[in-house]
N, C-alpha and C. Protein backbone atom coordinates (compact mmCIF):
# COMPACT_ATOMS: atom_id res chain seq x y z
N UNK A 1 16.74 -0.77 2.10
CA UNK A 1 15.39 0.03 2.10
C UNK A 1 14.31 -1.25 2.10
N UNK A 2 13.07 -1.11 3.21
CA UNK A 2 12.48 -1.99 3.17
C UNK A 2 10.68 -2.09 2.28
N UNK A 3 10.29 -0.52 1.48
CA UNK A 3 9.58 -0.22 1.27
C UNK A 3 8.26 0.44 1.93
N UNK A 4 7.20 1.00 1.29
CA UNK A 4 6.05 1.42 2.47
C UNK A 4 4.76 0.13 2.48
N UNK A 5 4.90 -0.27 3.92
CA UNK A 5 3.59 -0.78 4.40
C UNK A 5 3.12 -0.44 5.03
N UNK A 6 1.46 -0.22 4.35
CA UNK A 6 0.61 0.27 5.16
C UNK A 6 -0.46 -0.96 6.00
N UNK A 7 -0.85 -1.19 7.36
CA UNK A 7 -1.51 -2.19 7.86
C UNK A 7 -2.75 -2.44 7.20
N UNK A 8 -3.40 -3.55 6.75
CA UNK A 8 -4.73 -4.13 6.22
C UNK A 8 -5.51 -3.22 7.62
N UNK A 9 -6.45 -2.60 6.56
CA UNK A 9 -7.44 -1.91 7.01
C UNK A 9 -7.24 -0.04 7.46
N UNK A 10 -6.32 -0.11 7.53
CA UNK A 10 -5.40 1.41 7.54
C UNK A 10 -5.65 2.66 6.59
N UNK A 11 -6.46 3.17 6.95
CA UNK A 11 -7.31 4.35 6.06
C UNK A 11 -6.18 5.76 6.02
N UNK A 12 -5.93 6.37 4.57
CA UNK A 12 -5.41 7.55 4.35
C UNK A 12 -5.95 8.95 4.69
N UNK A 13 -5.63 9.12 5.19
CA UNK A 13 -5.86 10.97 5.41
C UNK A 13 -5.69 11.34 4.51
N UNK A 14 -6.38 12.05 4.04
CA UNK A 14 -6.22 13.34 3.27
C UNK A 14 -5.40 14.71 3.35
N UNK A 15 -4.39 15.10 2.98
CA UNK A 15 -3.02 16.11 3.57
C UNK A 15 -3.36 16.70 1.66
N UNK A 16 -4.25 16.76 0.93
CA UNK A 16 -3.81 17.55 -0.12
C UNK A 16 -4.04 18.86 -0.12
N UNK A 17 -4.79 19.59 1.15
CA UNK A 17 -5.18 20.85 1.20
C UNK A 17 -4.13 21.16 2.66
N UNK A 18 -3.23 20.80 2.74
CA UNK A 18 -2.25 21.12 3.61
C UNK A 18 -1.22 21.23 2.91
N UNK A 19 -0.93 20.61 1.93
CA UNK A 19 1.22 20.40 1.92
C UNK A 19 1.73 21.75 0.80
N UNK A 20 2.28 22.22 1.21
CA UNK A 20 2.60 23.46 1.74
C UNK A 20 4.52 23.50 1.51
N UNK A 21 5.21 22.52 0.74
CA UNK A 21 6.31 22.73 0.57
C UNK A 21 6.89 21.88 -0.69
N UNK A 22 7.82 22.13 -1.82
CA UNK A 22 7.61 21.46 -2.56
C UNK A 22 9.55 20.43 -2.46
N UNK A 23 8.92 19.59 -2.05
CA UNK A 23 10.39 18.52 -1.91
C UNK A 23 11.32 17.48 -2.84
N UNK A 24 10.11 17.35 -3.85
CA UNK A 24 10.74 16.78 -5.20
C UNK A 24 11.02 17.52 -6.64
N UNK A 25 11.50 17.24 -7.38
CA UNK A 25 11.89 17.84 -9.11
C UNK A 25 13.04 17.21 -9.60
N UNK A 26 12.51 17.75 -10.52
CA UNK A 26 13.46 17.50 -11.77
C UNK A 26 14.81 18.38 -12.08
N UNK A 27 15.73 17.81 -12.29
CA UNK A 27 17.04 18.52 -12.61
C UNK A 27 16.73 19.87 -13.12
N UNK A 28 15.54 20.30 -14.09
CA UNK A 28 14.88 20.83 -14.95
C UNK A 28 14.24 22.21 -14.46
N UNK A 29 13.51 21.49 -13.07
CA UNK A 29 12.71 22.27 -12.35
C UNK A 29 13.09 22.95 -11.66
N UNK A 30 14.66 22.57 -10.64
CA UNK A 30 15.05 23.01 -9.02
C UNK A 30 15.02 24.07 -9.19
N UNK A 31 14.24 25.17 -8.15
CA UNK A 31 14.08 26.17 -7.99
C UNK A 31 13.16 26.45 -6.98
N UNK A 32 13.77 27.48 -5.85
CA UNK A 32 12.99 27.78 -4.93
C UNK A 32 13.74 27.36 -3.60
N UNK A 33 13.00 27.47 -2.48
CA UNK A 33 13.52 26.88 -1.37
C UNK A 33 13.82 25.04 -1.14
N UNK A 34 12.99 24.62 -1.84
CA UNK A 34 13.59 23.42 -1.95
C UNK A 34 12.62 22.55 -0.57
N UNK A 35 13.62 21.41 -0.51
CA UNK A 35 12.87 20.81 0.74
C UNK A 35 13.56 21.13 2.30
N UNK A 36 14.46 21.43 2.12
CA UNK A 36 14.96 21.86 3.53
C UNK A 36 15.31 23.72 3.84
N UNK A 37 14.76 24.19 2.89
CA UNK A 37 14.96 25.42 3.02
C UNK A 37 16.58 25.96 2.28
N UNK A 38 17.25 25.44 1.83
CA UNK A 38 18.70 25.48 0.95
C UNK A 38 18.33 25.41 -0.58
N UNK A 39 17.22 25.30 -0.96
CA UNK A 39 16.84 25.04 -2.55
C UNK A 39 17.75 23.10 -2.64
N UNK A 40 17.58 22.69 -1.82
CA UNK A 40 17.92 20.94 -2.38
C UNK A 40 16.28 20.21 -2.54
N UNK A 41 16.88 19.71 -3.37
CA UNK A 41 15.16 18.03 -3.49
C UNK A 41 15.47 16.82 -3.74
N UNK A 42 14.55 16.63 -3.03
CA UNK A 42 14.89 14.69 -3.68
C UNK A 42 14.33 14.73 -5.53
N UNK A 43 15.28 13.51 -6.09
CA UNK A 43 14.79 13.53 -6.97
C UNK A 43 13.66 13.07 -7.71
N UNK A 44 12.88 13.15 -8.51
CA UNK A 44 11.50 13.34 -8.21
C UNK A 44 11.13 11.74 -8.74
N UNK A 45 12.22 10.81 -9.33
CA UNK A 45 12.14 9.38 -9.61
C UNK A 45 11.62 9.18 -8.26
N UNK A 46 12.32 9.44 -6.96
CA UNK A 46 12.03 8.53 -5.92
C UNK A 46 10.91 8.30 -5.59
N UNK A 47 9.98 9.36 -5.91
CA UNK A 47 8.81 8.69 -5.18
C UNK A 47 8.02 8.36 -6.46
N UNK A 48 8.01 8.07 -7.25
CA UNK A 48 7.04 7.30 -8.61
C UNK A 48 6.78 6.00 -8.03
N UNK A 49 7.16 5.21 -7.74
CA UNK A 49 6.53 4.15 -6.38
C UNK A 49 6.09 3.84 -5.77
N UNK A 50 5.67 5.30 -4.91
CA UNK A 50 5.42 5.37 -3.89
C UNK A 50 3.88 6.58 -3.83
N UNK A 51 4.26 7.05 -4.79
CA UNK A 51 2.60 8.30 -5.66
C UNK A 51 1.40 7.79 -4.92
N UNK A 52 0.95 6.87 -5.66
CA UNK A 52 -0.09 6.36 -5.65
C UNK A 52 -0.39 5.97 -4.05
N UNK A 53 0.22 5.78 -3.36
CA UNK A 53 -0.32 5.29 -1.91
C UNK A 53 -0.36 6.91 -0.89
N UNK A 54 0.52 7.36 -1.74
CA UNK A 54 0.87 8.82 -0.83
C UNK A 54 -0.14 9.69 -0.98
N UNK A 55 -0.81 9.58 -2.17
CA UNK A 55 -1.95 10.62 -2.63
C UNK A 55 -0.75 11.45 -2.99
N UNK A 56 0.47 11.61 -3.98
CA UNK A 56 1.30 12.71 -4.19
C UNK A 56 -0.16 13.13 -5.30
N UNK A 57 0.37 15.35 -5.46
CA UNK A 57 -0.44 15.16 -6.79
C UNK A 57 0.63 14.70 -8.22
N UNK A 58 -0.27 15.17 -9.23
CA UNK A 58 0.48 14.33 -10.86
C UNK A 58 1.05 15.18 -11.23
N UNK A 59 1.44 16.71 -11.05
CA UNK A 59 2.03 17.21 -11.00
C UNK A 59 3.38 17.55 -9.99
N UNK A 60 3.85 16.48 -9.19
CA UNK A 60 4.75 16.69 -8.45
C UNK A 60 6.02 16.73 -9.06
N UNK A 61 7.08 17.61 -9.05
CA UNK A 61 8.38 17.74 -9.55
C UNK A 61 8.27 18.75 -10.56
N UNK A 62 7.25 19.38 -10.38
CA UNK A 62 6.91 20.73 -11.39
C UNK A 62 7.10 22.16 -10.39
N UNK A 63 7.49 22.28 -8.79
CA UNK A 63 6.87 23.06 -8.28
C UNK A 63 5.79 22.93 -7.50
N UNK A 64 5.28 21.77 -7.81
CA UNK A 64 4.27 21.92 -6.93
C UNK A 64 4.27 21.03 -5.87
N UNK A 65 3.43 21.95 -4.54
CA UNK A 65 4.02 21.43 -3.18
C UNK A 65 3.40 19.70 -3.14
N UNK A 66 4.01 18.73 -2.58
CA UNK A 66 4.24 17.26 -2.33
C UNK A 66 4.08 17.18 -1.11
N UNK A 67 4.61 17.69 0.22
CA UNK A 67 4.65 17.32 1.08
C UNK A 67 4.15 18.32 1.98
N UNK A 68 3.87 17.93 3.59
CA UNK A 68 3.46 19.03 4.98
C UNK A 68 4.57 19.26 5.03
N UNK A 69 5.46 20.48 5.69
CA UNK A 69 6.17 21.06 6.71
C UNK A 69 5.16 21.52 7.54
N UNK A 70 5.55 20.85 8.64
CA UNK A 70 4.18 20.94 9.77
C UNK A 70 4.71 22.60 10.24
N UNK A 71 3.02 23.30 10.39
CA UNK A 71 3.04 24.91 10.85
C UNK A 71 1.69 24.52 11.66
N UNK A 72 1.54 23.52 12.45
CA UNK A 72 0.11 23.98 13.03
C UNK A 72 -1.04 23.52 12.59
N UNK A 73 -1.35 22.88 11.59
CA UNK A 73 -2.25 22.69 10.48
C UNK A 73 -3.17 21.68 11.49
N UNK A 74 -4.77 22.12 10.90
CA UNK A 74 -5.37 20.82 11.46
C UNK A 74 -6.02 19.89 10.60
N UNK A 75 -5.92 18.41 10.68
CA UNK A 75 -6.23 18.02 9.69
C UNK A 75 -7.08 17.00 10.18
N UNK A 76 -8.59 16.89 9.32
CA UNK A 76 -9.43 16.16 9.51
C UNK A 76 -9.16 14.64 9.24
N UNK A 77 -9.73 13.39 10.41
CA UNK A 77 -9.38 12.36 10.00
C UNK A 77 -10.48 11.69 9.22
N UNK A 78 -10.27 10.38 8.76
CA UNK A 78 -11.35 9.77 7.90
C UNK A 78 -12.35 9.15 8.77
N UNK A 79 -13.56 8.92 9.09
CA UNK A 79 -14.45 8.48 9.64
C UNK A 79 -14.30 8.78 11.58
N UNK A 80 -14.34 10.52 11.08
CA UNK A 80 -14.20 11.23 11.83
C UNK A 80 -15.16 10.99 13.41
N UNK A 81 -14.46 10.88 14.69
CA UNK A 81 -15.42 10.36 15.44
C UNK A 81 -14.58 8.82 16.23
N UNK A 82 -14.26 8.08 15.58
CA UNK A 82 -13.92 6.24 15.68
C UNK A 82 -12.44 6.91 16.59
N UNK A 83 -12.60 5.68 17.29
CA UNK A 83 -11.54 5.17 18.32
C UNK A 83 -10.09 4.94 17.82
N UNK A 84 -9.42 6.12 17.33
CA UNK A 84 -8.12 5.73 16.94
C UNK A 84 -6.86 4.75 17.41
N UNK A 85 -6.22 3.63 16.81
CA UNK A 85 -5.24 2.87 17.52
C UNK A 85 -4.17 2.94 17.53
N UNK A 86 -4.32 3.60 16.04
CA UNK A 86 -2.66 3.93 15.98
C UNK A 86 -2.61 5.04 14.71
N UNK A 87 -1.24 5.79 14.57
CA UNK A 87 -1.27 6.84 13.53
C UNK A 87 0.15 6.19 12.35
N UNK A 88 0.27 5.92 11.42
CA UNK A 88 1.35 5.72 10.58
C UNK A 88 1.87 6.93 9.65
N UNK A 89 2.87 7.19 9.56
CA UNK A 89 3.22 8.37 9.08
C UNK A 89 4.64 7.88 8.31
N UNK A 90 4.49 8.46 6.88
CA UNK A 90 6.11 9.00 6.41
C UNK A 90 6.37 9.71 5.83
N UNK A 91 7.55 9.79 6.49
CA UNK A 91 8.52 11.62 5.77
C UNK A 91 10.08 11.49 6.57
N UNK A 92 10.41 13.00 6.50
CA UNK A 92 11.54 13.05 7.15
C UNK A 92 11.75 14.51 7.51
N UNK A 93 13.22 14.36 8.56
CA UNK A 93 13.50 16.16 9.00
C UNK A 93 14.09 16.12 8.47
N UNK A 94 14.49 17.31 8.10
CA UNK A 94 15.46 18.59 7.58
C UNK A 94 16.46 19.34 8.81
N UNK A 95 17.18 19.36 8.29
CA UNK A 95 18.20 20.24 9.17
C UNK A 95 18.57 19.27 10.71
N UNK A 96 18.21 18.09 10.53
CA UNK A 96 18.65 17.12 11.93
C UNK A 96 17.13 16.13 12.35
N UNK A 97 17.43 15.63 13.15
CA UNK A 97 16.78 14.30 13.31
C UNK A 97 14.83 15.15 13.87
N UNK A 98 14.00 14.78 14.26
CA UNK A 98 13.13 16.09 14.75
C UNK A 98 11.86 14.90 15.47
N UNK A 99 11.31 15.37 16.34
CA UNK A 99 10.08 14.39 17.50
C UNK A 99 9.79 15.95 18.15
N UNK A 100 8.00 15.47 17.86
CA UNK A 100 7.28 16.33 18.29
C UNK A 100 5.95 16.21 18.50
N UNK A 101 5.06 16.75 18.64
CA UNK A 101 3.83 16.54 19.69
C UNK A 101 2.50 16.70 18.78
N UNK A 102 1.84 15.49 17.82
CA UNK A 102 1.08 15.54 17.47
C UNK A 102 -0.17 15.21 18.94
N UNK A 103 -1.40 16.45 18.36
CA UNK A 103 -2.66 16.15 19.35
C UNK A 103 -3.68 15.84 18.44
N UNK A 104 -4.44 14.46 19.07
CA UNK A 104 -5.88 13.76 18.23
C UNK A 104 -6.73 14.30 18.89
N UNK A 105 -7.73 14.96 18.39
CA UNK A 105 -8.98 15.46 19.28
C UNK A 105 -10.09 14.88 18.66
N UNK A 106 -11.06 15.36 19.42
CA UNK A 106 -12.72 15.04 19.24
C UNK A 106 -13.10 16.22 18.62
N UNK A 107 -12.91 17.26 19.03
CA UNK A 107 -13.83 18.27 18.21
C UNK A 107 -13.02 20.18 18.59
N UNK A 108 -13.61 20.55 18.03
CA UNK A 108 -12.59 22.30 18.14
C UNK A 108 -12.53 23.12 19.02
N UNK A 109 -13.66 22.21 20.04
CA UNK A 109 -13.67 23.28 21.35
C UNK A 109 -12.36 23.39 22.13
N UNK A 110 -11.98 24.17 22.77
CA UNK A 110 -10.94 24.07 23.42
C UNK A 110 -10.19 23.07 24.25
N UNK A 111 -11.59 22.65 25.23
CA UNK A 111 -11.50 21.86 26.55
C UNK A 111 -11.49 20.79 25.64
N UNK A 112 -11.62 20.54 24.58
CA UNK A 112 -11.64 19.09 23.90
C UNK A 112 -10.84 17.84 24.30
N UNK A 113 -10.80 16.84 25.03
CA UNK A 113 -10.37 15.95 25.21
C UNK A 113 -9.94 15.29 24.35
N UNK A 114 -8.83 14.85 24.59
CA UNK A 114 -8.25 14.04 23.47
C UNK A 114 -6.69 12.95 23.76
N UNK A 115 -5.66 12.53 22.57
CA UNK A 115 -4.75 11.64 22.96
C UNK A 115 -3.31 12.84 22.09
N UNK A 116 -2.18 12.93 23.48
CA UNK A 116 -1.16 13.34 22.06
C UNK A 116 0.06 12.05 22.28
N UNK A 117 -0.11 12.80 21.16
CA UNK A 117 1.26 11.60 20.31
C UNK A 117 2.44 11.61 19.83
N UNK A 118 3.38 11.27 20.25
CA UNK A 118 5.36 11.98 19.80
C UNK A 118 5.60 11.16 18.43
N UNK A 119 5.34 12.12 17.02
CA UNK A 119 6.30 11.47 16.43
C UNK A 119 7.36 12.07 15.90
N UNK A 120 8.07 11.13 15.40
CA UNK A 120 9.24 11.14 15.13
C UNK A 120 9.97 10.83 13.57
N UNK A 121 11.24 11.11 13.23
CA UNK A 121 11.55 11.16 11.76
C UNK A 121 13.15 11.56 12.59
N UNK A 122 14.02 10.71 11.47
CA UNK A 122 15.21 10.89 11.14
C UNK A 122 15.45 11.59 9.91
N UNK A 123 16.66 12.30 9.74
CA UNK A 123 17.11 13.56 9.26
C UNK A 123 16.98 12.56 7.67
N UNK A 124 16.52 13.29 6.16
CA UNK A 124 16.27 13.32 5.08
C UNK A 124 17.82 12.38 4.91
N UNK A 125 18.61 12.93 5.24
CA UNK A 125 20.15 12.74 4.73
C UNK A 125 20.41 11.22 5.52
N UNK A 126 19.76 11.19 6.71
CA UNK A 126 20.62 10.03 7.57
C UNK A 126 21.03 8.35 7.01
N UNK A 127 21.67 8.18 6.91
CA UNK A 127 22.03 6.94 6.40
C UNK A 127 21.35 5.52 7.47
N UNK A 128 21.15 5.76 8.49
CA UNK A 128 20.16 4.50 9.25
C UNK A 128 19.11 5.02 10.22
N UNK A 129 18.04 4.28 10.31
CA UNK A 129 17.01 4.24 10.87
C UNK A 129 16.75 4.26 12.20
N UNK A 130 16.27 4.78 12.77
CA UNK A 130 16.61 5.30 14.41
C UNK A 130 15.57 4.25 14.50
N UNK A 131 15.77 3.51 15.82
CA UNK A 131 14.77 2.38 16.46
C UNK A 131 12.74 2.71 16.50
N UNK A 132 12.48 1.67 15.67
CA UNK A 132 10.88 1.93 15.85
C UNK A 132 10.79 2.51 14.50
N UNK A 133 11.81 2.22 13.51
CA UNK A 133 11.54 3.27 11.76
C UNK A 133 11.89 2.62 10.53
N UNK A 134 11.24 2.60 9.99
CA UNK A 134 12.25 1.85 9.03
C UNK A 134 12.48 2.74 7.41
N UNK A 135 12.92 2.54 6.84
CA UNK A 135 13.28 3.42 5.68
C UNK A 135 12.26 2.96 4.02
N UNK A 136 11.67 3.76 3.69
CA UNK A 136 10.94 3.20 3.00
C UNK A 136 10.78 3.83 1.29
N UNK A 137 11.61 4.35 1.08
CA UNK A 137 12.14 5.33 -0.55
C UNK A 137 13.44 5.38 0.07
N UNK A 138 14.40 5.58 -0.78
CA UNK A 138 15.95 6.12 -0.86
C UNK A 138 16.30 6.44 -2.65
N UNK A 139 16.85 7.77 -2.50
CA UNK A 139 16.78 8.41 -3.46
C UNK A 139 18.63 7.97 -4.08
N UNK A 140 19.21 8.44 -5.29
CA UNK A 140 20.75 7.93 -5.33
C UNK A 140 20.90 9.02 -5.25
N UNK A 141 20.16 10.40 -5.00
CA UNK A 141 21.04 11.99 -5.16
C UNK A 141 20.59 12.67 -4.40
N UNK A 142 20.84 13.67 -3.90
CA UNK A 142 20.05 15.18 -3.69
C UNK A 142 20.38 16.07 -4.73
N UNK A 143 19.22 16.53 -4.98
CA UNK A 143 19.75 17.88 -6.20
C UNK A 143 19.66 19.55 -5.38
N UNK A 144 21.02 19.93 -5.73
CA UNK A 144 20.93 21.20 -5.19
C UNK A 144 19.96 22.56 -6.53
N UNK A 145 20.34 23.64 -5.44
CA UNK A 145 19.12 24.53 -6.75
C UNK A 145 19.80 24.91 -8.30
N UNK A 146 20.52 24.11 -8.79
CA UNK A 146 21.40 24.87 -10.01
C UNK A 146 20.57 22.87 -10.85
N UNK A 147 20.25 22.03 -9.92
CA UNK A 147 19.56 21.05 -10.52
C UNK A 147 21.19 20.15 -10.33
N UNK A 148 21.81 19.90 -10.17
CA UNK A 148 23.12 19.12 -10.10
C UNK A 148 23.36 18.23 -8.93
N UNK A 149 23.39 16.78 -8.63
CA UNK A 149 23.63 16.52 -7.23
C UNK A 149 24.88 16.47 -6.73
N UNK A 150 24.20 16.69 -5.01
CA UNK A 150 25.09 16.77 -4.33
C UNK A 150 25.77 15.68 -3.89
N UNK A 151 27.24 15.83 -4.22
CA UNK A 151 28.28 14.82 -3.90
C UNK A 151 27.93 13.97 -2.57
N UNK A 152 27.70 12.41 -2.75
CA UNK A 152 28.19 11.66 -1.24
C UNK A 152 26.07 12.06 -0.73
N UNK A 153 24.95 12.65 -1.19
CA UNK A 153 23.95 12.85 -0.58
C UNK A 153 22.49 12.16 -0.72
N UNK A 154 22.44 10.91 0.19
CA UNK A 154 21.56 10.08 -0.17
C UNK A 154 20.06 10.17 0.36
N UNK A 155 19.04 10.50 -0.04
CA UNK A 155 18.10 10.81 0.79
C UNK A 155 17.34 9.61 0.92
N UNK A 156 16.33 9.59 2.19
CA UNK A 156 15.70 8.89 2.17
C UNK A 156 14.47 9.63 3.28
N UNK A 157 13.35 8.62 2.94
CA UNK A 157 11.77 8.62 3.66
C UNK A 157 11.95 7.52 4.46
N UNK A 158 11.44 7.84 5.53
CA UNK A 158 11.45 6.83 7.25
C UNK A 158 9.33 7.27 7.12
N UNK A 159 9.16 5.51 7.86
CA UNK A 159 7.94 5.30 8.08
C UNK A 159 7.72 4.88 9.59
N UNK A 160 6.99 5.58 10.13
CA UNK A 160 6.64 4.97 11.57
C UNK A 160 5.44 4.68 11.75
N UNK A 161 4.82 4.00 12.94
CA UNK A 161 3.73 3.84 13.59
C UNK A 161 3.88 4.39 15.06
N UNK A 162 2.84 5.20 15.95
CA UNK A 162 2.40 5.40 16.61
C UNK A 162 1.64 4.48 17.50
N UNK A 163 1.19 4.06 18.43
CA UNK A 163 0.16 2.96 18.84
C UNK A 163 -0.73 4.47 20.10
N UNK A 164 -1.87 4.31 20.16
CA UNK A 164 -2.89 5.17 20.68
C UNK A 164 -2.94 4.62 22.35
N UNK A 165 -2.18 4.34 23.04
CA UNK A 165 -2.76 3.97 24.42
C UNK A 165 -4.49 4.13 24.92
N UNK A 166 -4.58 5.21 24.37
CA UNK A 166 -5.84 5.80 24.98
C UNK A 166 -7.18 5.48 24.32
N UNK A 167 -6.74 5.30 23.05
CA UNK A 167 -7.60 5.20 22.17
C UNK A 167 -9.05 5.73 22.09
N UNK A 168 -9.11 6.91 22.14
CA UNK A 168 -9.79 8.34 22.56
C UNK A 168 -10.49 8.24 20.99
N UNK A 169 -11.77 8.81 20.91
CA UNK A 169 -12.40 8.84 20.05
C UNK A 169 -11.95 10.03 19.16
N UNK A 170 -11.53 10.51 17.89
CA UNK A 170 -10.93 11.15 17.49
C UNK A 170 -11.78 11.70 16.57
N UNK A 171 -11.25 13.24 15.79
CA UNK A 171 -12.17 13.42 14.56
C UNK A 171 -10.99 14.40 13.78
N UNK A 172 -9.88 14.62 14.36
CA UNK A 172 -9.09 15.60 13.92
C UNK A 172 -7.70 15.00 14.02
N UNK A 173 -6.72 15.93 14.02
CA UNK A 173 -5.34 15.40 14.26
C UNK A 173 -4.44 17.03 14.14
N UNK A 174 -4.43 17.70 15.17
CA UNK A 174 -3.56 18.88 14.87
C UNK A 174 -1.81 18.67 14.66
N UNK A 175 -1.26 18.87 13.88
CA UNK A 175 0.14 18.84 13.78
C UNK A 175 0.58 20.22 14.55
N UNK A 176 2.05 19.70 14.59
CA UNK A 176 2.81 21.13 15.50
C UNK A 176 3.27 21.92 14.41
N UNK A 177 4.45 22.68 15.23
CA UNK A 177 4.52 23.62 14.57
C UNK A 177 6.18 23.56 14.70
N UNK A 178 7.09 23.04 13.62
CA UNK A 178 7.99 22.35 13.33
C UNK A 178 8.29 22.31 11.74
N UNK A 179 8.39 23.73 11.21
CA UNK A 179 8.77 22.97 9.30
C UNK A 179 9.91 22.02 9.53
N UNK A 180 10.41 22.17 10.21
CA UNK A 180 11.79 20.68 9.83
C UNK A 180 10.88 19.48 9.78
N UNK A 181 9.76 19.18 9.80
CA UNK A 181 9.56 17.65 10.34
C UNK A 181 8.29 17.96 8.94
N UNK A 182 8.65 17.16 8.02
CA UNK A 182 7.76 16.95 6.85
C UNK A 182 6.73 15.53 6.98
N UNK A 183 5.59 15.64 6.44
CA UNK A 183 5.06 14.57 6.18
C UNK A 183 4.54 14.71 4.74
N UNK A 184 4.61 13.09 4.40
CA UNK A 184 4.45 13.20 3.06
C UNK A 184 3.23 12.05 3.17
N UNK A 185 2.96 11.00 4.20
CA UNK A 185 1.40 10.58 4.36
C UNK A 185 1.69 9.68 5.15
N UNK A 186 -0.02 10.32 5.81
CA UNK A 186 -0.53 9.63 6.89
C UNK A 186 -1.83 8.85 7.21
N UNK A 187 -1.81 7.50 7.56
CA UNK A 187 -2.89 6.68 7.78
C UNK A 187 -3.35 6.35 9.37
N UNK A 188 -4.39 6.11 9.54
CA UNK A 188 -5.17 5.90 10.67
C UNK A 188 -5.39 4.78 10.87
N UNK A 189 -5.45 3.57 12.03
CA UNK A 189 -5.85 2.60 12.05
C UNK A 189 -6.29 3.00 13.40
N UNK A 190 -8.06 2.21 13.13
CA UNK A 190 -9.11 2.00 13.91
C UNK A 190 -9.64 1.07 14.85
N UNK A 191 -9.86 1.20 16.17
CA UNK A 191 -9.81 -0.09 17.02
C UNK A 191 -11.37 -0.12 16.80
N UNK A 192 -10.97 -1.81 16.31
CA UNK A 192 -12.03 -2.76 16.12
C UNK A 192 -13.84 -2.49 16.78
N UNK A 193 -13.64 -2.20 17.76
CA UNK A 193 -15.22 -2.49 18.48
C UNK A 193 -15.17 -0.88 18.55
N UNK A 194 -14.58 0.17 18.19
CA UNK A 194 -15.17 1.42 17.82
C UNK A 194 -15.19 1.80 17.00
N UNK A 195 -15.36 1.73 15.61
CA UNK A 195 -15.21 1.68 14.56
C UNK A 195 -16.61 2.38 14.11
N UNK A 196 -16.25 3.53 13.35
CA UNK A 196 -17.75 3.89 12.52
C UNK A 196 -18.13 3.90 11.21
N UNK A 197 -19.20 3.33 10.69
CA UNK A 197 -19.34 3.49 9.58
C UNK A 197 -18.96 4.24 8.89
N UNK A 198 -18.76 4.28 7.27
CA UNK A 198 -18.32 5.63 6.76
C UNK A 198 -19.72 5.91 5.80
């Protein structure tokens, strides 16, 4: 495990309004659909060290949504309108590895120009990172709906960086529709020559 690394100058994207999945829990609170829709959860302790950087809610582990299961949400970017040079993401797939198209857009009009990016994560239980991916958190076990540790199941969160070749001015990011792609954290780096003052 290599830990979370956010490049200098990268700005966090506020995901609070879009978090719709309860991915972590304690043994006593494990109930509901869980991270994967089958009642399995990440142990709360796995996210303690990353919580501030990921902007996770203080009440995580008590049934409060802590990640975004992608369902076509539109996320506003910090410094809206700046030229995005790279997107940095932390997350994982459920039910297998996932790769989807994310769309950087300038405005909400149907004809808005922008840049399409492919962002993917290995499955939450994958043992090794895919090329271009790194493990930033690892749990000791996966919890089932009864709060018991699932034998042999070691959850991991992955971090990826996707460069934006076009570096087009962007005010928002359109997420794909694939609830098996879970985002815990998101940051953007802006091209220095196009940065907009906050």
